[in-house]
C-alpha atoms as a PDB file:
ATOM      1  CA  MET A   1     -16.056  25.344 -18.243  1.00  0.00           C
ATOM      2  CA  PRO A   2     -15.657  22.196 -16.912  1.00  0.00           C
ATOM      3  CA  TYR A   3     -13.065  20.641 -15.500  1.00  0.00           C
ATOM      4  CA  TRP A   4     -13.303  17.335 -18.075  1.00  0.00           C
ATOM      5  CA  LYS A   5     -13.389  17.255 -21.942  1.00  0.00           C
ATOM      6  CA  ARG A   6     -14.788  14.852 -24.885  1.00  0.00           C
ATOM      7  CA  LEU A   7     -10.967  14.078 -26.337  1.00  0.00           C
ATOM      8  CA  GLU A   8     -12.234  11.198 -29.281  1.00  0.00           C
ATOM      9  CA  ALA A   9     -14.809   8.838 -30.337  1.00  0.00           C
ATOM     10  CA  ALA A  10     -13.347   6.051 -31.881  1.00  0.00           C
ATOM     11  CA  PRO A  11     -13.932   2.415 -33.121  1.00  0.00           C
ATOM     12  CA  LEU A  12     -13.717  -0.728 -30.680  1.00  0.00           C
ATOM     13  CA  ARG A  13     -12.802  -2.742 -33.241  1.00  0.00           C
ATOM     14  CA  GLU A  14     -11.986  -2.392 -37.374  1.00  0.00           C
ATOM     15  CA  GLY A  15     -14.848  -1.956 -39.047  1.00  0.00           C
ATOM     16  CA  SER A  16     -17.552  -2.827 -35.805  1.00  0.00           C
ATOM     17  CA  GLY A  17     -19.316   0.071 -35.549  1.00  0.00           C
ATOM     18  CA  GLU A  18     -18.902   0.072 -32.003  1.00  0.00           C
ATOM     19  CA  ARG A  19     -17.124   2.742 -30.642  1.00  0.00           C
ATOM     20  CA  PHE A  20     -15.766   3.845 -26.807  1.00  0.00           C
ATOM     21  CA  GLU A  21     -15.162   7.131 -26.095  1.00  0.00           C
ATOM     22  CA  ARG A  22     -11.901   8.960 -24.228  1.00  0.00           C
ATOM     23  CA  TRP A  23     -12.910  11.451 -21.241  1.00  0.00           C
ATOM     24  CA  SER A  24      -9.849  13.335 -20.038  1.00  0.00           C
ATOM     25  CA  HIS A  25      -9.640  15.642 -16.944  1.00  0.00           C
ATOM     26  CA  LYS A  26      -7.292  17.628 -15.392  1.00  0.00           C
ATOM     27  CA  MET A  27      -7.345  15.951 -11.700  1.00  0.00           C
ATOM     28  CA  ALA A  28      -5.836  16.118  -7.942  1.00  0.00           C
ATOM     29  CA  VAL A  29      -2.442  14.124  -7.251  1.00  0.00           C
ATOM     30  CA  LYS A  30      -1.137  14.874  -2.983  1.00  0.00           C
ATOM     31  CA  THR A  31       1.371  13.337  -2.251  1.00  0.00           C
ATOM     32  CA  VAL A  32       2.246  13.206   1.869  1.00  0.00           C
ATOM     33  CA  SER A  33       5.384  11.265   3.269  1.00  0.00           C
ATOM     34  CA  LEU A  34       5.365   9.451   7.092  1.00  0.00           C
ATOM     35  CA  ARG A  35       8.411   8.757   8.511  1.00  0.00           C
ATOM     36  CA  LEU A  36       7.719   5.713  11.397  1.00  0.00           C
ATOM     37  CA  PRO A  37      10.496   4.046  13.753  1.00  0.00           C
ATOM     38  CA  MET A  38      10.126  -0.482  13.249  1.00  0.00           C
ATOM     39  CA  GLN A  39      11.581  -3.230  15.123  1.00  0.00           C
ATOM     40  CA  GLY A  40      11.451  -5.748  12.656  1.00  0.00           C
ATOM     41  CA  SER A  41      10.032  -9.482  13.681  1.00  0.00           C
ATOM     42  CA  THR A  42       6.722  -8.592  11.486  1.00  0.00           C
ATOM     43  CA  GLN A  43       5.955  -5.466  14.149  1.00  0.00           C
ATOM     44  CA  ILE A  44       2.472  -4.610  13.013  1.00  0.00           C
ATOM     45  CA  GLU A  45       1.575  -0.668  13.441  1.00  0.00           C
ATOM     46  CA  ASN A  46      -1.780   0.374  12.322  1.00  0.00           C
ATOM     47  CA  ILE A  47      -1.827   3.306  10.202  1.00  0.00           C
ATOM     48  CA  THR A  48      -5.419   3.559   9.117  1.00  0.00           C
ATOM     49  CA  LYS A  49      -5.417   7.305  11.170  1.00  0.00           C
ATOM     50  CA  SER A  50      -2.064   8.836   9.186  1.00  0.00           C
ATOM     51  CA  VAL A  51      -3.943   8.017   6.553  1.00  0.00           C
ATOM     52  CA  ALA A  52      -7.513   9.813   7.093  1.00  0.00           C
ATOM     53  CA  GLU A  53      -5.203  12.917   8.568  1.00  0.00           C
ATOM     54  CA  ALA A  54      -3.414  12.834   5.378  1.00  0.00           C
ATOM     55  CA  LEU A  55      -6.502  12.221   3.198  1.00  0.00           C
ATOM     56  CA  ALA A  56      -8.448  14.886   5.398  1.00  0.00           C
ATOM     57  CA  GLY A  57      -5.584  17.602   4.607  1.00  0.00           C
ATOM     58  CA  THR A  58      -6.306  17.144   0.661  1.00  0.00           C
ATOM     59  CA  GLY A  59      -9.729  18.926   0.890  1.00  0.00           C
ATOM     60  CA  LEU A  60     -10.011  16.345  -2.129  1.00  0.00           C
ATOM     61  CA  SER A  61     -13.854  14.411  -1.793  1.00  0.00           C
ATOM     62  CA  SER A  62     -13.513  11.390  -3.965  1.00  0.00           C
ATOM     63  CA  GLY A  63     -11.028   9.389  -5.512  1.00  0.00           C
ATOM     64  CA  ILE A  64      -8.621   7.247  -4.733  1.00  0.00           C
ATOM     65  CA  VAL A  65      -5.177   6.770  -2.171  1.00  0.00           C
ATOM     66  CA  THR A  66      -2.152   4.391  -2.335  1.00  0.00           C
ATOM     67  CA  VAL A  67      -0.060   3.660   0.595  1.00  0.00           C
ATOM     68  CA  PHE A  68       2.756   2.608  -0.733  1.00  0.00           C
ATOM     69  CA  VAL A  69       6.296   1.616   1.931  1.00  0.00           C
ATOM     70  CA  LYS A  70       9.449   2.459   0.568  1.00  0.00           C
ATOM     71  CA  HIS A  71      11.359  -0.752   1.354  1.00  0.00           C
ATOM     72  CA  THR A  72      11.442  -3.936   0.709  1.00  0.00           C
ATOM     73  CA  THR A  73      11.337  -6.051   3.733  1.00  0.00           C
ATOM     74  CA  ALA A  74       8.119  -4.258   4.833  1.00  0.00           C
ATOM     75  CA  SER A  75       5.029  -4.538   3.324  1.00  0.00           C
ATOM     76  CA  VAL A  76       1.583  -2.563   3.945  1.00  0.00           C
ATOM     77  CA  MET A  77      -1.491  -4.851   3.558  1.00  0.00           C
ATOM     78  CA  ILE A  78      -5.711  -4.678   5.306  1.00  0.00           C
ATOM     79  CA  ILE A  79      -6.446  -6.678   8.352  1.00  0.00           C
ATOM     80  CA  GLU A  80      -8.966  -6.164  10.852  1.00  0.00           C
ATOM     81  CA  ASP A  81      -6.555  -4.615  13.722  1.00  0.00           C
ATOM     82  CA  GLU A  82      -7.289  -7.163  16.568  1.00  0.00           C
ATOM     83  CA  PRO A  83      -4.916  -9.138  18.350  1.00  0.00           C
ATOM     84  CA  GLY A  84      -5.616 -12.647  17.004  1.00  0.00           C
ATOM     85  CA  ILE A  85      -5.054 -11.396  14.052  1.00  0.00           C
ATOM     86  CA  ARG A  86      -1.985  -9.617  14.963  1.00  0.00           C
ATOM     87  CA  ALA A  87      -0.525 -12.940  15.955  1.00  0.00           C
ATOM     88  CA  ASP A  88      -1.479 -15.213  13.400  1.00  0.00           C
ATOM     89  CA  THR A  89      -0.550 -13.106  11.210  1.00  0.00           C
ATOM     90  CA  LYS A  90       3.258 -13.474  12.656  1.00  0.00           C
ATOM     91  CA  SER A  91       2.682 -16.882  12.830  1.00  0.00           C
ATOM     92  CA  PHE A  92       1.589 -17.404   9.708  1.00  0.00           C
ATOM     93  CA  TRP A  93       4.661 -15.395   7.801  1.00  0.00           C
ATOM     94  CA  ASP A  94       6.997 -17.165  10.521  1.00  0.00           C
ATOM     95  CA  ARG A  95       5.560 -20.416   8.986  1.00  0.00           C
ATOM     96  CA  ALA A  96       5.736 -19.987   5.482  1.00  0.00           C
ATOM     97  CA  VAL A  97       8.943 -18.085   4.494  1.00  0.00           C
ATOM     98  CA  PRO A  98      11.000 -18.967   7.810  1.00  0.00           C
ATOM     99  CA  ALA A  99      13.918 -17.554   8.913  1.00  0.00           C
ATOM    100  CA  ASP A 100      17.102 -19.685   7.001  1.00  0.00           C
ATOM    101  CA  PRO A 101      20.583 -18.521   7.300  1.00  0.00           C
ATOM    102  CA  ALA A 102      20.801 -20.288   3.434  1.00  0.00           C
ATOM    103  CA  TRP A 103      18.581 -18.164   2.121  1.00  0.00           C
ATOM    104  CA  GLN A 104      20.867 -17.135  -1.084  1.00  0.00           C
ATOM    105  CA  HIS A 105      20.657 -13.441   0.373  1.00  0.00           C
ATOM    106  CA  ASN A 106      22.637 -14.403   2.945  1.00  0.00           C
ATOM    107  CA  THR A 107      25.029 -16.731   1.845  1.00  0.00           C
ATOM    108  CA  ARG A 108      25.716 -14.331  -1.064  1.00  0.00           C
ATOM    109  CA  ASN A 109      26.069 -10.901   1.227  1.00  0.00           C
ATOM    110  CA  ALA A 110      28.350 -11.022   4.061  1.00  0.00           C
ATOM    111  CA  GLY A 111      26.843 -10.192   7.432  1.00  0.00           C
ATOM    112  CA  GLU A 112      22.817 -11.317   5.863  1.00  0.00           C
ATOM    113  CA  ASP A 113      20.438 -12.527   7.639  1.00  0.00           C
ATOM    114  CA  ASN A 114      16.897 -11.554   6.903  1.00  0.00           C
ATOM    115  CA  GLY A 115      16.381 -12.793   3.347  1.00  0.00           C
ATOM    116  CA  HIS A 116      13.386 -13.608   4.383  1.00  0.00           C
ATOM    117  CA  SER A 117      12.179  -9.841   5.551  1.00  0.00           C
ATOM    118  CA  HIS A 118      12.531  -9.300   1.289  1.00  0.00           C
ATOM    119  CA  LEU A 119      10.418 -12.684   0.256  1.00  0.00           C
ATOM    120  CA  ARG A 120       7.965 -11.895   2.445  1.00  0.00           C
ATOM    121  CA  GLY A 121       7.822  -8.652   1.147  1.00  0.00           C
ATOM    122  CA  GLN A 122       7.251  -9.728  -2.256  1.00  0.00           C
ATOM    123  CA  LEU A 123       4.910 -12.017  -1.497  1.00  0.00           C
ATOM    124  CA  GLN A 124       2.872  -9.281   0.647  1.00  0.00           C
ATOM    125  CA  GLY A 125       3.998  -6.562  -1.376  1.00  0.00           C
ATOM    126  CA  PRO A 126       4.097  -2.713  -1.216  1.00  0.00           C
ATOM    127  CA  SER A 127       1.618  -0.919  -1.384  1.00  0.00           C
ATOM    128  CA  VAL A 128      -2.440  -0.949  -1.159  1.00  0.00           C
ATOM    129  CA  THR A 129      -5.408   1.484  -3.066  1.00  0.00           C
ATOM    130  CA  ILE A 130      -8.109   2.661  -1.197  1.00  0.00           C
ATOM    131  CA  PRO A 131     -11.434   4.345  -3.019  1.00  0.00           C
ATOM    132  CA  PHE A 132     -12.862   7.450  -0.925  1.00  0.00           C
ATOM    133  CA  LEU A 133     -16.360   9.541  -0.987  1.00  0.00           C
ATOM    134  CA  ASP A 134     -17.532  12.106   0.676  1.00  0.00           C
ATOM    135  CA  GLY A 135     -13.441  13.308   2.147  1.00  0.00           C
ATOM    136  CA  VAL A 136     -14.062   9.357   3.944  1.00  0.00           C
ATOM    137  CA  MET A 137     -11.578   5.879   3.071  1.00  0.00           C
ATOM    138  CA  LEU A 138     -14.770   3.748   2.377  1.00  0.00           C
ATOM    139  CA  LEU A 139     -12.756   0.713   4.171  1.00  0.00           C
ATOM    140  CA  GLY A 140     -15.037  -1.809   5.412  1.00  0.00           C
ATOM    141  CA  ILE A 141     -16.497  -1.641   9.184  1.00  0.00           C
ATOM    142  CA  TRP A 142     -13.268  -4.185  10.506  1.00  0.00           C
ATOM    143  CA  GLN A 143     -10.973  -2.994   8.063  1.00  0.00           C
ATOM    144  CA  GLN A 144      -7.710  -1.109   8.828  1.00  0.00           C
ATOM    145  CA  ILE A 145      -4.544  -0.237   6.568  1.00  0.00           C
ATOM    146  CA  VAL A 146      -0.855  -2.004   8.517  1.00  0.00           C
ATOM    147  CA  LEU A 147       2.356  -1.229   7.712  1.00  0.00           C
ATOM    148  CA  VAL A 148       3.887  -4.923   9.132  1.00  0.00           C
ATOM    149  CA  ASP A 149       8.010  -4.592   9.186  1.00  0.00           C
ATOM    150  CA  PHE A 150       9.599  -8.100   8.075  1.00  0.00           C
ATOM    151  CA  ASP A 151      12.904  -7.532   9.344  1.00  0.00           C
ATOM    152  CA  THR A 152      15.784  -8.191  11.689  1.00  0.00           C
ATOM    153  CA  ARG A 153      16.694  -5.104  13.102  1.00  0.00           C
ATOM    154  CA  SER A 154      15.104  -1.829  14.029  1.00  0.00           C
ATOM    155  CA  ARG A 155      14.618   0.472  11.356  1.00  0.00           C
ATOM    156  CA  THR A 156      12.568   3.470  10.514  1.00  0.00           C
ATOM    157  CA  ARG A 157       9.996   3.281   7.707  1.00  0.00           C
ATOM    158  CA  GLU A 158       8.764   5.752   4.770  1.00  0.00           C
ATOM    159  CA  LEU A 159       5.728   5.819   3.558  1.00  0.00           C
ATOM    160  CA  ILE A 160       3.785   7.613   0.891  1.00  0.00           C
ATOM    161  CA  PHE A 161       0.588   8.375   0.610  1.00  0.00           C
ATOM    162  CA  GLN A 162      -0.330   9.184  -3.038  1.00  0.00           C
ATOM    163  CA  ILE A 163      -4.077  11.175  -3.071  1.00  0.00           C
ATOM    164  CA  MET A 164      -6.027  10.963  -5.913  1.00  0.00           C
ATOM    165  CA  GLY A 165      -9.246  12.624  -6.771  1.00  0.00           C
ATOM    166  CA  GLU A 166     -11.282  15.920  -6.740  1.00  0.00           C
END
């Protein structure tokens, strides 16, 4: 029996005669976590190898992998990982969303100084999704997956790699 099955053919629009088909199949979902000690201060850590190793461990050949960080003051992004881009990335965030004791998060929460860290995380986002084929991520030649820690202090960050495929 095939791993997929046809569910139905239904009209796209009432009376249009156009139809679409819905298909269903069971797709494997594997979840891997990774904990990384980070220093904050827009530290950038390349995690491409860790994601590739997690993907290889699933035995899946094609699908997508989502890389998600479970923190509001860190982000995952894809960059050309070289020293100039790392320096430019830090400069960009320092100029775009500067540290400022007047951020409401800092003034309303005694002892907090990381309002800018939260804002940077909101703008960049907590995840990226990468397709893979034949067990290999379909990244461009210069693309690397990195974790960026915007916080003002050291902490261990938890990442989730959720891999869906067949």
